[in-house]
Amino acid sequence: MMDMRLHEFYRKFASARYAADAEPPPIDEFAALCREAELADAASNNWLREADHCLHEIAEVRQLFVTAISKWLTQDGSKTLAKALVHKVSVRHLQQAFPESYDLSAITEDQGILTGFRLCALAATPAVSLGWVLSLASLPSKSAAITAAVERLLKHLVEEQPSTTMRLLSSKESVFKDLEIAKEALTYLKAEDDWLDQQPRLRELVMTPEMRLVLSSMKRNESREIHRHSQEKSVLATLFKAQHFKYANRTAVEFLVGDEVKETMLEMSPFSVSVELPFSEQVDPVAGKVVRDRLWRGASQ
């Protein structure tokens, strides 16, 4: 029964994504169903796995995401659902080179402020959290509470993830590049970066060749372990035969065209994604938790 109801919700969320004149998405009804399932199945998160496809559709549509996250993050009963949606949207925008823009005119001021604080508390990917903060700053009529919240949250992002924040603010694709508070933050970050570049480098802190070899070996072993686990859990591995080209940078792939077998060459190149962790989490995890707890409580803290 849960699957059938979730399928109906998925159909409505997908309609909102592809059809402009679709009926209003049932965000509240979906949250109520998930709360009911969570209470009935508190020991496991099977209900969350079943709702995954619905959360994916919500994360894909900006206005759906704004409506859902501003309700769920500000209600204690929907905390688990909100965290799952934040994870979805963080993965969605992990490699984005500019801050995401959100239309916050349809939600209340209190919802917008508290959601911004809690997105930062959950360490949402900066493209999302910074985009939310700058969207608050872009509202046509801003109260003193919004101005204070924007200044505090922007200061937090600048201090906790300076490199990523500077990269996002520097993007030419950003719709916030002419926003005064964004320009001030970018100027400050560039000045800090220049100051750091001018500082002397201690040779004692530079890794020796032996240390680099050890680090390279650790990374290689970690990569092999990740690959081994993914192969063990892969459904495709049971259907297709794998071929490994240890030292090649190109591979030949054969495919059928009618009755003929043709061949094409595919270039192989390494791929990686780097993520800047919050500064306080790296230098002092205890202080990092204190920072997150304060942010979760909102502007009053």
C-alpha atoms as a PDB file:
ATOM      1  CA  MET A   1       0.000   0.000   0.000  1.00  0.00           C
ATOM      2  CA  MET A   2       2.904   2.333   0.818  1.00  0.00           C
ATOM      3  CA  ASP A   3       4.420   1.697  -2.631  1.00  0.00           C
ATOM      4  CA  MET A   4       1.178   2.520  -4.429  1.00  0.00           C
ATOM      5  CA  ARG A   5       0.729   5.801  -2.571  1.00  0.00           C
ATOM      6  CA  LEU A   6       4.362   6.772  -3.131  1.00  0.00           C
ATOM      7  CA  HIS A   7       3.993   5.999  -6.829  1.00  0.00           C
ATOM      8  CA  GLU A   8       1.057   8.411  -6.984  1.00  0.00           C
ATOM      9  CA  PHE A   9       3.087  11.107  -5.213  1.00  0.00           C
ATOM     10  CA  TYR A  10       5.984  10.498  -7.601  1.00  0.00           C
ATOM     11  CA  ARG A  11       3.662  10.931 -10.580  1.00  0.00           C
ATOM     12  CA  LYS A  12       2.432  14.281  -9.229  1.00  0.00           C
ATOM     13  CA  PHE A  13       5.949  15.548  -8.420  1.00  0.00           C
ATOM     14  CA  ALA A  14       7.141  14.544 -11.884  1.00  0.00           C
ATOM     15  CA  SER A  15       4.164  16.351 -13.433  1.00  0.00           C
ATOM     16  CA  ALA A  16       5.167  19.519 -11.576  1.00  0.00           C
ATOM     17  CA  ARG A  17       8.646  19.145 -13.044  1.00  0.00           C
ATOM     18  CA  TYR A  18       7.593  18.767 -16.677  1.00  0.00           C
ATOM     19  CA  ALA A  19       4.177  20.468 -16.881  1.00  0.00           C
ATOM     20  CA  ALA A  20       3.822  24.135 -15.967  1.00  0.00           C
ATOM     21  CA  ASP A  21       0.046  23.852 -15.541  1.00  0.00           C
ATOM     22  CA  ALA A  22       0.153  20.762 -13.304  1.00  0.00           C
ATOM     23  CA  GLU A  23      -1.873  20.647 -10.082  1.00  0.00           C
ATOM     24  CA  PRO A  24      -0.108  21.873  -6.901  1.00  0.00           C
ATOM     25  CA  PRO A  25       2.227  19.129  -5.634  1.00  0.00           C
ATOM     26  CA  PRO A  26       1.019  17.423  -2.434  1.00  0.00           C
ATOM     27  CA  ILE A  27       4.036  18.270  -0.263  1.00  0.00           C
ATOM     28  CA  ASP A  28       2.140  18.173   3.042  1.00  0.00           C
ATOM     29  CA  GLU A  29       0.388  14.880   2.266  1.00  0.00           C
ATOM     30  CA  PHE A  30       3.678  13.273   1.265  1.00  0.00           C
ATOM     31  CA  ALA A  31       5.342  14.452   4.511  1.00  0.00           C
ATOM     32  CA  ALA A  32       2.401  13.141   6.554  1.00  0.00           C
ATOM     33  CA  LEU A  33       2.685   9.720   4.885  1.00  0.00           C
ATOM     34  CA  CYS A  34       6.434   9.625   5.594  1.00  0.00           C
ATOM     35  CA  ARG A  35       5.919  10.603   9.245  1.00  0.00           C
ATOM     36  CA  GLU A  36       3.350   7.855   9.584  1.00  0.00           C
ATOM     37  CA  ALA A  37       5.743   5.318   8.019  1.00  0.00           C
ATOM     38  CA  GLU A  38       8.623   6.519  10.212  1.00  0.00           C
ATOM     39  CA  LEU A  39       6.594   6.033  13.387  1.00  0.00           C
ATOM     40  CA  ALA A  40       5.496   2.566  12.264  1.00  0.00           C
ATOM     41  CA  ASP A  41       9.038   1.546  11.274  1.00  0.00           C
ATOM     42  CA  ALA A  42      11.263   3.427  13.712  1.00  0.00           C
ATOM     43  CA  ALA A  43      13.877   0.647  13.888  1.00  0.00           C
ATOM     44  CA  SER A  44      14.864   0.899  10.210  1.00  0.00           C
ATOM     45  CA  ASN A  45      14.738   3.412   7.388  1.00  0.00           C
ATOM     46  CA  ASN A  46      13.023   1.227   4.809  1.00  0.00           C
ATOM     47  CA  TRP A  47      10.375   3.893   4.296  1.00  0.00           C
ATOM     48  CA  LEU A  48      13.107   6.408   3.408  1.00  0.00           C
ATOM     49  CA  ARG A  49      14.511   4.107   0.733  1.00  0.00           C
ATOM     50  CA  GLU A  50      11.040   3.672  -0.711  1.00  0.00           C
ATOM     51  CA  ALA A  51      10.548   7.466  -0.808  1.00  0.00           C
ATOM     52  CA  ASP A  52      13.913   8.051  -2.493  1.00  0.00           C
ATOM     53  CA  HIS A  53      12.506   8.537  -6.000  1.00  0.00           C
ATOM     54  CA  CYS A  54      10.028  11.138  -4.709  1.00  0.00           C
ATOM     55  CA  LEU A  55      12.821  13.064  -2.959  1.00  0.00           C
ATOM     56  CA  HIS A  56      14.820  12.971  -6.187  1.00  0.00           C
ATOM     57  CA  GLU A  57      11.996  14.677  -8.090  1.00  0.00           C
ATOM     58  CA  ILE A  58      11.622  17.323  -5.377  1.00  0.00           C
ATOM     59  CA  ALA A  59      15.364  18.051  -5.456  1.00  0.00           C
ATOM     60  CA  GLU A  60      15.234  18.513  -9.239  1.00  0.00           C
ATOM     61  CA  VAL A  61      12.638  21.326  -9.137  1.00  0.00           C
ATOM     62  CA  ARG A  62      13.771  24.530  -7.423  1.00  0.00           C
ATOM     63  CA  GLN A  63      10.341  25.760  -6.349  1.00  0.00           C
ATOM     64  CA  LEU A  64       9.339  22.320  -5.103  1.00  0.00           C
ATOM     65  CA  PHE A  65      12.563  22.168  -3.109  1.00  0.00           C
ATOM     66  CA  VAL A  66      11.980  25.629  -1.601  1.00  0.00           C
ATOM     67  CA  THR A  67       8.445  24.728  -0.528  1.00  0.00           C
ATOM     68  CA  ALA A  68       9.415  21.338   0.891  1.00  0.00           C
ATOM     69  CA  ILE A  69      12.630  22.255   2.692  1.00  0.00           C
ATOM     70  CA  SER A  70      11.204  25.446   4.241  1.00  0.00           C
ATOM     71  CA  LYS A  71       8.428  23.345   5.810  1.00  0.00           C
ATOM     72  CA  TRP A  72      10.328  20.198   6.749  1.00  0.00           C
ATOM     73  CA  LEU A  73      13.472  21.833   8.150  1.00  0.00           C
ATOM     74  CA  THR A  74      11.423  24.100  10.386  1.00  0.00           C
ATOM     75  CA  GLN A  75       9.249  21.272  11.788  1.00  0.00           C
ATOM     76  CA  ASP A  76      10.797  18.843  14.261  1.00  0.00           C
ATOM     77  CA  GLY A  77       8.521  16.007  13.115  1.00  0.00           C
ATOM     78  CA  SER A  78      10.003  16.061   9.598  1.00  0.00           C
ATOM     79  CA  LYS A  79      13.684  16.280  10.544  1.00  0.00           C
ATOM     80  CA  THR A  80      14.655  12.893   9.044  1.00  0.00           C
ATOM     81  CA  LEU A  81      12.848  13.662   5.795  1.00  0.00           C
ATOM     82  CA  ALA A  82      14.452  17.121   5.623  1.00  0.00           C
ATOM     83  CA  LYS A  83      17.958  15.703   6.117  1.00  0.00           C
ATOM     84  CA  ALA A  84      17.357  13.166   3.339  1.00  0.00           C
ATOM     85  CA  LEU A  85      16.231  15.951   0.985  1.00  0.00           C
ATOM     86  CA  VAL A  86      19.270  18.092   1.889  1.00  0.00           C
ATOM     87  CA  HIS A  87      21.493  15.130   1.022  1.00  0.00           C
ATOM     88  CA  LYS A  88      19.716  14.698  -2.319  1.00  0.00           C
ATOM     89  CA  VAL A  89      20.022  18.343  -3.311  1.00  0.00           C
ATOM     90  CA  SER A  90      23.651  18.479  -2.099  1.00  0.00           C
ATOM     91  CA  VAL A  91      24.572  15.592  -4.391  1.00  0.00           C
ATOM     92  CA  ARG A  92      22.604  17.259  -7.188  1.00  0.00           C
ATOM     93  CA  HIS A  93      24.655  20.488  -6.924  1.00  0.00           C
ATOM     94  CA  LEU A  94      27.969  19.080  -5.637  1.00  0.00           C
ATOM     95  CA  GLN A  95      30.001  20.033  -8.732  1.00  0.00           C
ATOM     96  CA  GLN A  96      28.083  23.209  -9.563  1.00  0.00           C
ATOM     97  CA  ALA A  97      30.353  26.166 -10.252  1.00  0.00           C
ATOM     98  CA  PHE A  98      27.931  28.911  -9.148  1.00  0.00           C
ATOM     99  CA  PRO A  99      25.480  29.468  -6.254  1.00  0.00           C
ATOM    100  CA  GLU A 100      21.944  28.291  -6.946  1.00  0.00           C
ATOM    101  CA  SER A 101      19.266  30.978  -7.074  1.00  0.00           C
ATOM    102  CA  TYR A 102      15.957  30.427  -5.245  1.00  0.00           C
ATOM    103  CA  ASP A 103      12.668  32.330  -5.337  1.00  0.00           C
ATOM    104  CA  LEU A 104      11.853  32.772  -1.633  1.00  0.00           C
ATOM    105  CA  SER A 105       8.926  35.132  -2.093  1.00  0.00           C
ATOM    106  CA  ALA A 106       6.362  32.355  -1.483  1.00  0.00           C
ATOM    107  CA  ILE A 107       7.627  31.453   2.014  1.00  0.00           C
ATOM    108  CA  THR A 108       7.555  33.470   5.221  1.00  0.00           C
ATOM    109  CA  GLU A 109      10.498  35.480   6.501  1.00  0.00           C
ATOM    110  CA  ASP A 110      10.908  33.247   9.560  1.00  0.00           C
ATOM    111  CA  GLN A 111      10.903  30.110   7.422  1.00  0.00           C
ATOM    112  CA  GLY A 112      13.522  31.543   5.062  1.00  0.00           C
ATOM    113  CA  ILE A 113      15.847  32.578   7.896  1.00  0.00           C
ATOM    114  CA  LEU A 114      15.577  29.357   9.926  1.00  0.00           C
ATOM    115  CA  THR A 115      15.966  27.208   6.801  1.00  0.00           C
ATOM    116  CA  GLY A 116      19.145  29.119   5.900  1.00  0.00           C
ATOM    117  CA  PHE A 117      20.601  28.496   9.358  1.00  0.00           C
ATOM    118  CA  ARG A 118      19.732  24.810   9.292  1.00  0.00           C
ATOM    119  CA  LEU A 119      21.075  24.279   5.770  1.00  0.00           C
ATOM    120  CA  CYS A 120      24.403  25.598   7.046  1.00  0.00           C
ATOM    121  CA  ALA A 121      24.109  23.444  10.197  1.00  0.00           C
ATOM    122  CA  LEU A 122      23.679  20.335   8.030  1.00  0.00           C
ATOM    123  CA  ALA A 123      26.688  21.361   5.886  1.00  0.00           C
ATOM    124  CA  ALA A 124      24.660  21.390   2.677  1.00  0.00           C
ATOM    125  CA  THR A 125      26.873  21.795  -0.371  1.00  0.00           C
ATOM    126  CA  PRO A 126      27.891  25.502  -0.592  1.00  0.00           C
ATOM    127  CA  ALA A 127      26.185  25.963  -3.966  1.00  0.00           C
ATOM    128  CA  VAL A 128      22.906  25.359  -2.097  1.00  0.00           C
ATOM    129  CA  SER A 129      23.552  27.024   1.286  1.00  0.00           C
ATOM    130  CA  LEU A 130      25.310  30.062  -0.216  1.00  0.00           C
ATOM    131  CA  GLY A 131      22.622  30.311  -2.895  1.00  0.00           C
ATOM    132  CA  TRP A 132      19.911  30.310  -0.228  1.00  0.00           C
ATOM    133  CA  VAL A 133      21.678  33.022   1.804  1.00  0.00           C
ATOM    134  CA  LEU A 134      22.214  35.252  -1.234  1.00  0.00           C
ATOM    135  CA  SER A 135      18.612  34.654  -2.344  1.00  0.00           C
ATOM    136  CA  LEU A 136      17.535  35.975   1.063  1.00  0.00           C
ATOM    137  CA  ALA A 137      19.763  39.008   0.503  1.00  0.00           C
ATOM    138  CA  SER A 138      18.144  39.557  -2.926  1.00  0.00           C
ATOM    139  CA  LEU A 139      14.580  39.826  -1.600  1.00  0.00           C
ATOM    140  CA  PRO A 140      13.092  43.197  -2.627  1.00  0.00           C
ATOM    141  CA  SER A 141      11.891  44.062   0.883  1.00  0.00           C
ATOM    142  CA  LYS A 142      14.343  43.000   3.588  1.00  0.00           C
ATOM    143  CA  SER A 143      13.774  43.407   7.297  1.00  0.00           C
ATOM    144  CA  ALA A 144      16.492  43.956   9.881  1.00  0.00           C
ATOM    145  CA  ALA A 145      16.182  40.267  10.843  1.00  0.00           C
ATOM    146  CA  ILE A 146      16.959  39.117   7.287  1.00  0.00           C
ATOM    147  CA  THR A 147      19.903  41.522   6.988  1.00  0.00           C
ATOM    148  CA  ALA A 148      21.380  40.291  10.276  1.00  0.00           C
ATOM    149  CA  ALA A 149      20.837  36.634   9.326  1.00  0.00           C
ATOM    150  CA  VAL A 150      22.446  37.086   5.899  1.00  0.00           C
ATOM    151  CA  GLU A 151      25.506  38.786   7.408  1.00  0.00           C
ATOM    152  CA  ARG A 152      25.936  36.062  10.019  1.00  0.00           C
ATOM    153  CA  LEU A 153      25.463  33.144   7.619  1.00  0.00           C
ATOM    154  CA  LEU A 154      27.711  34.637   4.961  1.00  0.00           C
ATOM    155  CA  LYS A 155      30.393  35.198   7.616  1.00  0.00           C
ATOM    156  CA  HIS A 156      30.003  31.549   8.631  1.00  0.00           C
ATOM    157  CA  LEU A 157      30.465  30.295   5.048  1.00  0.00           C
ATOM    158  CA  VAL A 158      33.449  32.579   4.474  1.00  0.00           C
ATOM    159  CA  GLU A 159      35.150  31.289   7.621  1.00  0.00           C
ATOM    160  CA  GLU A 160      34.230  27.606   7.287  1.00  0.00           C
ATOM    161  CA  GLN A 161      34.628  27.022   3.534  1.00  0.00           C
ATOM    162  CA  PRO A 162      36.610  29.970   2.173  1.00  0.00           C
ATOM    163  CA  SER A 163      37.995  28.336  -0.999  1.00  0.00           C
ATOM    164  CA  THR A 164      34.649  27.009  -2.195  1.00  0.00           C
ATOM    165  CA  THR A 165      32.835  30.226  -1.280  1.00  0.00           C
ATOM    166  CA  MET A 166      35.388  32.306  -3.212  1.00  0.00           C
ATOM    167  CA  ARG A 167      35.108  30.006  -6.246  1.00  0.00           C
ATOM    168  CA  LEU A 168      31.303  30.250  -6.270  1.00  0.00           C
ATOM    169  CA  LEU A 169      31.256  34.024  -5.777  1.00  0.00           C
ATOM    170  CA  SER A 170      33.856  34.469  -8.552  1.00  0.00           C
ATOM    171  CA  SER A 171      31.775  32.580 -11.108  1.00  0.00           C
ATOM    172  CA  LYS A 172      30.638  34.615 -14.094  1.00  0.00           C
ATOM    173  CA  GLU A 173      27.506  32.441 -14.255  1.00  0.00           C
ATOM    174  CA  SER A 174      26.372  33.612 -10.818  1.00  0.00           C
ATOM    175  CA  VAL A 175      23.215  35.728 -10.792  1.00  0.00           C
ATOM    176  CA  PHE A 176      24.494  37.308  -7.561  1.00  0.00           C
ATOM    177  CA  LYS A 177      27.720  38.779  -8.996  1.00  0.00           C
ATOM    178  CA  ASP A 178      26.314  42.324  -8.795  1.00  0.00           C
ATOM    179  CA  LEU A 179      24.933  41.912  -5.268  1.00  0.00           C
ATOM    180  CA  GLU A 180      26.773  44.309  -2.945  1.00  0.00           C
ATOM    181  CA  ILE A 181      27.181  41.917  -0.020  1.00  0.00           C
ATOM    182  CA  ALA A 182      28.482  39.200  -2.372  1.00  0.00           C
ATOM    183  CA  LYS A 183      31.051  41.606  -3.853  1.00  0.00           C
ATOM    184  CA  GLU A 184      32.223  42.617  -0.378  1.00  0.00           C
ATOM    185  CA  ALA A 185      32.648  38.968   0.662  1.00  0.00           C
ATOM    186  CA  LEU A 186      34.553  38.180  -2.536  1.00  0.00           C
ATOM    187  CA  THR A 187      36.869  41.161  -2.051  1.00  0.00           C
ATOM    188  CA  TYR A 188      37.609  40.034   1.511  1.00  0.00           C
ATOM    189  CA  LEU A 189      38.292  36.436   0.422  1.00  0.00           C
ATOM    190  CA  LYS A 190      40.637  37.519  -2.372  1.00  0.00           C
ATOM    191  CA  ALA A 191      42.549  39.750   0.036  1.00  0.00           C
ATOM    192  CA  GLU A 192      42.877  36.837   2.492  1.00  0.00           C
ATOM    193  CA  ASP A 193      44.028  34.529  -0.302  1.00  0.00           C
ATOM    194  CA  ASP A 194      46.666  37.018  -1.469  1.00  0.00           C
ATOM    195  CA  TRP A 195      47.883  37.463   2.115  1.00  0.00           C
ATOM    196  CA  LEU A 196      48.264  33.697   2.538  1.00  0.00           C
ATOM    197  CA  ASP A 197      50.205  33.430  -0.722  1.00  0.00           C
ATOM    198  CA  GLN A 198      52.677  36.016   0.545  1.00  0.00           C
ATOM    199  CA  GLN A 199      53.452  34.111   3.749  1.00  0.00           C
ATOM    200  CA  PRO A 200      56.744  32.207   4.006  1.00  0.00           C
ATOM    201  CA  ARG A 201      56.656  28.449   3.425  1.00  0.00           C
ATOM    202  CA  LEU A 202      58.319  26.267   6.055  1.00  0.00           C
ATOM    203  CA  ARG A 203      60.360  23.511   4.440  1.00  0.00           C
ATOM    204  CA  GLU A 204      59.782  21.396   7.541  1.00  0.00           C
ATOM    205  CA  LEU A 205      56.051  21.213   6.695  1.00  0.00           C
ATOM    206  CA  VAL A 206      56.591  20.100   3.087  1.00  0.00           C
ATOM    207  CA  MET A 207      56.157  16.373   2.495  1.00  0.00           C
ATOM    208  CA  THR A 208      59.300  14.414   1.652  1.00  0.00           C
ATOM    209  CA  PRO A 209      59.368  12.137  -1.446  1.00  0.00           C
ATOM    210  CA  GLU A 210      59.011   9.115   0.845  1.00  0.00           C
ATOM    211  CA  MET A 211      55.902  10.607   2.453  1.00  0.00           C
ATOM    212  CA  ARG A 212      54.413  11.311  -0.979  1.00  0.00           C
ATOM    213  CA  LEU A 213      54.969   7.684  -1.977  1.00  0.00           C
ATOM    214  CA  VAL A 214      53.259   6.468   1.191  1.00  0.00           C
ATOM    215  CA  LEU A 215      50.305   8.842   0.611  1.00  0.00           C
ATOM    216  CA  SER A 216      50.023   7.730  -3.013  1.00  0.00           C
ATOM    217  CA  SER A 217      50.012   4.092  -1.903  1.00  0.00           C
ATOM    218  CA  MET A 218      47.274   4.783   0.688  1.00  0.00           C
ATOM    219  CA  LYS A 219      45.113   6.524  -1.898  1.00  0.00           C
ATOM    220  CA  ARG A 220      45.622   3.675  -4.374  1.00  0.00           C
ATOM    221  CA  ASN A 221      44.636   1.075  -1.787  1.00  0.00           C
ATOM    222  CA  GLU A 222      41.582   3.104  -0.818  1.00  0.00           C
ATOM    223  CA  SER A 223      40.551   3.403  -4.471  1.00  0.00           C
ATOM    224  CA  ARG A 224      40.944  -0.363  -4.982  1.00  0.00           C
ATOM    225  CA  GLU A 225      38.852  -1.063  -1.884  1.00  0.00           C
ATOM    226  CA  ILE A 226      36.075   1.265  -3.080  1.00  0.00           C
ATOM    227  CA  HIS A 227      36.167  -0.378  -6.510  1.00  0.00           C
ATOM    228  CA  ARG A 228      36.038  -3.868  -4.971  1.00  0.00           C
ATOM    229  CA  HIS A 229      32.990  -2.984  -2.857  1.00  0.00           C
ATOM    230  CA  SER A 230      31.203  -1.430  -5.832  1.00  0.00           C
ATOM    231  CA  GLN A 231      31.826  -4.575  -7.911  1.00  0.00           C
ATOM    232  CA  GLU A 232      30.477  -6.801  -5.154  1.00  0.00           C
ATOM    233  CA  LYS A 233      27.226  -4.815  -4.991  1.00  0.00           C
ATOM    234  CA  SER A 234      26.891  -4.112  -8.713  1.00  0.00           C
ATOM    235  CA  VAL A 235      23.903  -5.582 -10.544  1.00  0.00           C
ATOM    236  CA  LEU A 236      25.587  -4.893 -13.899  1.00  0.00           C
ATOM    237  CA  ALA A 237      28.577  -7.048 -12.877  1.00  0.00           C
ATOM    238  CA  THR A 238      26.283 -10.094 -12.904  1.00  0.00           C
ATOM    239  CA  LEU A 239      25.067  -9.276 -16.440  1.00  0.00           C
ATOM    240  CA  PHE A 240      28.207  -8.100 -18.249  1.00  0.00           C
ATOM    241  CA  LYS A 241      31.776  -9.286 -18.453  1.00  0.00           C
ATOM    242  CA  ALA A 242      34.403  -6.784 -17.263  1.00  0.00           C
ATOM    243  CA  GLN A 243      37.699  -6.199 -19.076  1.00  0.00           C
ATOM    244  CA  HIS A 244      40.608  -4.349 -17.484  1.00  0.00           C
ATOM    245  CA  PHE A 245      43.242  -2.348 -19.364  1.00  0.00           C
ATOM    246  CA  LYS A 246      45.961  -1.740 -16.824  1.00  0.00           C
ATOM    247  CA  TYR A 247      48.249   0.679 -18.659  1.00  0.00           C
ATOM    248  CA  ALA A 248      46.070   1.823 -21.555  1.00  0.00           C
ATOM    249  CA  ASN A 249      44.686   5.329 -22.011  1.00  0.00           C
ATOM    250  CA  ARG A 250      42.305   4.231 -24.765  1.00  0.00           C
ATOM    251  CA  THR A 251      40.062   1.205 -25.201  1.00  0.00           C
ATOM    252  CA  ALA A 252      38.435  -0.288 -28.283  1.00  0.00           C
ATOM    253  CA  VAL A 253      34.707  -0.994 -28.152  1.00  0.00           C
ATOM    254  CA  GLU A 254      32.989  -3.237 -30.693  1.00  0.00           C
ATOM    255  CA  PHE A 255      29.337  -2.802 -31.624  1.00  0.00           C
ATOM    256  CA  LEU A 256      26.968  -4.199 -34.250  1.00  0.00           C
ATOM    257  CA  VAL A 257      25.598  -2.163 -37.158  1.00  0.00           C
ATOM    258  CA  GLY A 258      23.246  -4.438 -39.017  1.00  0.00           C
ATOM    259  CA  ASP A 259      25.304  -7.551 -39.759  1.00  0.00           C
ATOM    260  CA  GLU A 260      28.654  -5.771 -39.506  1.00  0.00           C
ATOM    261  CA  VAL A 261      30.890  -5.447 -36.490  1.00  0.00           C
ATOM    262  CA  LYS A 262      32.399  -1.989 -36.135  1.00  0.00           C
ATOM    263  CA  GLU A 263      34.962  -0.655 -33.728  1.00  0.00           C
ATOM    264  CA  THR A 264      35.456   2.705 -32.073  1.00  0.00           C
ATOM    265  CA  MET A 265      38.122   4.043 -29.717  1.00  0.00           C
ATOM    266  CA  LEU A 266      37.195   5.596 -26.373  1.00  0.00           C
ATOM    267  CA  GLU A 267      39.604   7.817 -24.479  1.00  0.00           C
ATOM    268  CA  MET A 268      40.012   6.990 -20.793  1.00  0.00           C
ATOM    269  CA  SER A 269      40.836   9.750 -18.334  1.00  0.00           C
ATOM    270  CA  PRO A 270      40.879   9.984 -14.538  1.00  0.00           C
ATOM    271  CA  PHE A 271      37.958  11.619 -12.787  1.00  0.00           C
ATOM    272  CA  SER A 272      37.729  12.986  -9.263  1.00  0.00           C
ATOM    273  CA  VAL A 273      35.652  15.374  -7.167  1.00  0.00           C
ATOM    274  CA  SER A 274      37.194  17.421  -4.363  1.00  0.00           C
ATOM    275  CA  VAL A 275      35.106  18.700  -1.468  1.00  0.00           C
ATOM    276  CA  GLU A 276      36.188  21.328   1.045  1.00  0.00           C
ATOM    277  CA  LEU A 277      35.209  20.264   4.560  1.00  0.00           C
ATOM    278  CA  PRO A 278      34.150  22.902   7.123  1.00  0.00           C
ATOM    279  CA  PHE A 279      37.238  24.422   8.770  1.00  0.00           C
ATOM    280  CA  SER A 280      36.042  23.862  12.340  1.00  0.00           C
ATOM    281  CA  GLU A 281      35.411  20.164  11.601  1.00  0.00           C
ATOM    282  CA  GLN A 282      39.043  19.736  10.559  1.00  0.00           C
ATOM    283  CA  VAL A 283      40.805  21.615  13.361  1.00  0.00           C
ATOM    284  CA  ASP A 284      38.445  20.921  16.278  1.00  0.00           C
ATOM    285  CA  PRO A 285      35.485  18.537  15.809  1.00  0.00           C
ATOM    286  CA  VAL A 286      34.116  19.400  19.268  1.00  0.00           C
ATOM    287  CA  ALA A 287      33.979  23.095  18.393  1.00  0.00           C
ATOM    288  CA  GLY A 288      32.502  22.129  15.030  1.00  0.00           C
ATOM    289  CA  LYS A 289      29.595  20.388  16.745  1.00  0.00           C
ATOM    290  CA  VAL A 290      29.022  23.450  18.944  1.00  0.00           C
ATOM    291  CA  VAL A 291      28.889  25.621  15.807  1.00  0.00           C
ATOM    292  CA  ARG A 292      26.379  23.263  14.156  1.00  0.00           C
ATOM    293  CA  ASP A 293      24.180  23.163  17.256  1.00  0.00           C
ATOM    294  CA  ARG A 294      24.075  26.969  17.431  1.00  0.00           C
ATOM    295  CA  LEU A 295      23.192  27.234  13.766  1.00  0.00           C
ATOM    296  CA  TRP A 296      20.427  24.657  14.148  1.00  0.00           C
ATOM    297  CA  ARG A 297      18.774  26.763  16.848  1.00  0.00           C
ATOM    298  CA  GLY A 298      18.572  29.672  14.420  1.00  0.00           C
ATOM    299  CA  ALA A 299      19.013  33.413  14.590  1.00  0.00           C
ATOM    300  CA  SER A 300      18.239  33.601  18.316  1.00  0.00           C
ATOM    301  CA  GLN A 301      21.615  31.976  19.029  1.00  0.00           C
END
